[in-house]
């Protein structure tokens, strides 16, 4: 193998790295676009049946709807309550 053969191998390796890096970049851009354009508008419906002994007949079949927002911080493991049910404490 001469000097031109070595040069071809080096440029072939370089092209492989460039393709790998561009593929990784395209994947990251795709994930970011999904996180911004699709995920925030995804609606999840979950039905949970809760049997309650002694429930009055007038309440039989009652449906309760609970709506909540999911923040991106919550999916990262940080939970934040949007409302506080206790009165603010005055600093001492």
Protein backbone atom coordinates (compact mmCIF):
# COMPACT_ATOMS: atom_id res chain seq x y z
CA UNK A 1 0.00 0.00 0.00
CA UNK A 2 1.49 3.30 -1.03
CA UNK A 3 1.05 6.85 0.20
CA UNK A 4 -2.18 7.26 -1.75
CA UNK A 5 -3.64 4.11 -0.12
CA UNK A 6 -2.89 5.46 3.37
CA UNK A 7 -4.46 8.77 2.42
CA UNK A 8 -7.63 7.00 1.26
CA UNK A 9 -7.92 5.07 4.53
CA UNK A 10 -7.53 8.28 6.57
CA UNK A 11 -10.14 10.16 4.55
CA UNK A 12 -12.46 7.13 4.77
CA UNK A 13 -12.17 7.13 8.57
CA UNK A 14 -12.70 10.87 8.69
CA UNK A 15 -15.84 10.55 6.54
CA UNK A 16 -17.12 7.84 8.90
CA UNK A 17 -16.69 10.13 11.92
CA UNK A 18 -18.38 13.02 10.13
CA UNK A 19 -21.36 10.82 9.24
CA UNK A 20 -21.58 9.53 12.83
CA UNK A 21 -21.47 13.05 14.27
CA UNK A 22 -24.07 14.37 11.82
CA UNK A 23 -26.32 11.39 12.61
CA UNK A 24 -26.02 12.08 16.35
CA UNK A 25 -26.79 15.75 15.77
CA UNK A 26 -29.85 14.87 13.66
CA UNK A 27 -31.06 12.54 16.42
CA UNK A 28 -30.69 15.25 19.06
CA UNK A 29 -32.53 17.79 16.88
CA UNK A 30 -35.33 15.26 16.30
CA UNK A 31 -35.68 14.60 20.04
CA UNK A 32 -35.73 18.34 20.78
CA UNK A 33 -38.41 18.97 18.14
CA UNK A 34 -40.55 16.13 19.52
CA UNK A 35 -40.19 17.52 23.04
CA UNK A 36 -41.32 20.98 21.92
CA UNK A 37 -43.90 20.25 19.22
CA UNK A 38 -45.54 16.93 20.20
CA UNK A 39 -45.13 16.06 23.87
CA UNK A 40 -46.73 19.20 25.38
CA UNK A 41 -49.96 18.51 23.47
CA UNK A 42 -50.20 14.79 24.19
CA UNK A 43 -53.36 13.98 26.14
CA UNK A 44 -53.48 10.91 28.39
CA UNK A 45 -56.86 9.56 29.50
CA UNK A 46 -56.84 7.12 32.39
CA UNK A 47 -59.95 5.57 33.90
CA UNK A 48 -59.74 4.29 37.46
CA UNK A 49 -62.66 2.53 39.12
CA UNK A 50 -62.85 2.98 42.87
CA UNK A 51 -65.41 0.73 44.58
CA UNK A 52 -66.88 2.39 47.65
CA UNK A 53 -68.96 0.33 50.06
CA UNK A 54 -72.18 2.03 51.18
CA UNK A 55 -72.24 4.59 48.37
CA UNK A 56 -75.72 6.15 48.05
CA UNK A 57 -77.63 5.05 44.93
CA UNK A 58 -77.83 8.68 43.76
CA UNK A 59 -74.04 8.73 43.40
CA UNK A 60 -73.76 5.37 41.62
CA UNK A 61 -71.98 5.90 38.30
CA UNK A 62 -70.64 9.33 39.30
CA UNK A 63 -67.58 10.35 37.29
CA UNK A 64 -64.91 12.64 38.61
CA UNK A 65 -62.52 14.34 36.22
CA UNK A 66 -59.09 15.42 37.36
CA UNK A 67 -57.12 17.68 35.03
CA UNK A 68 -53.52 18.51 35.66
CA UNK A 69 -50.53 19.78 33.80
CA UNK A 70 -47.26 17.96 33.61
CA UNK A 71 -44.19 20.12 33.66
CA UNK A 72 -40.93 19.21 32.02
CA UNK A 73 -39.28 19.50 35.42
CA UNK A 74 -41.58 16.80 36.79
CA UNK A 75 -40.44 14.36 34.13
CA UNK A 76 -36.86 15.11 35.21
CA UNK A 77 -37.71 14.04 38.76
CA UNK A 78 -38.47 17.46 40.28
CA UNK A 79 -42.00 17.74 41.57
CA UNK A 80 -43.59 21.16 42.00
CA UNK A 81 -47.10 21.81 43.26
CA UNK A 82 -48.74 24.67 41.35
CA UNK A 83 -50.92 25.70 44.29
CA UNK A 84 -50.18 26.04 47.95
CA UNK A 85 -53.01 25.22 50.33
CA UNK A 86 -51.35 26.72 53.39
CA UNK A 87 -51.14 30.39 54.24
CA UNK A 88 -47.70 31.94 53.72
CA UNK A 89 -45.63 32.08 56.87
CA UNK A 90 -44.32 35.44 58.05
CA UNK A 91 -40.57 35.41 58.63
CA UNK A 92 -39.59 35.73 62.27
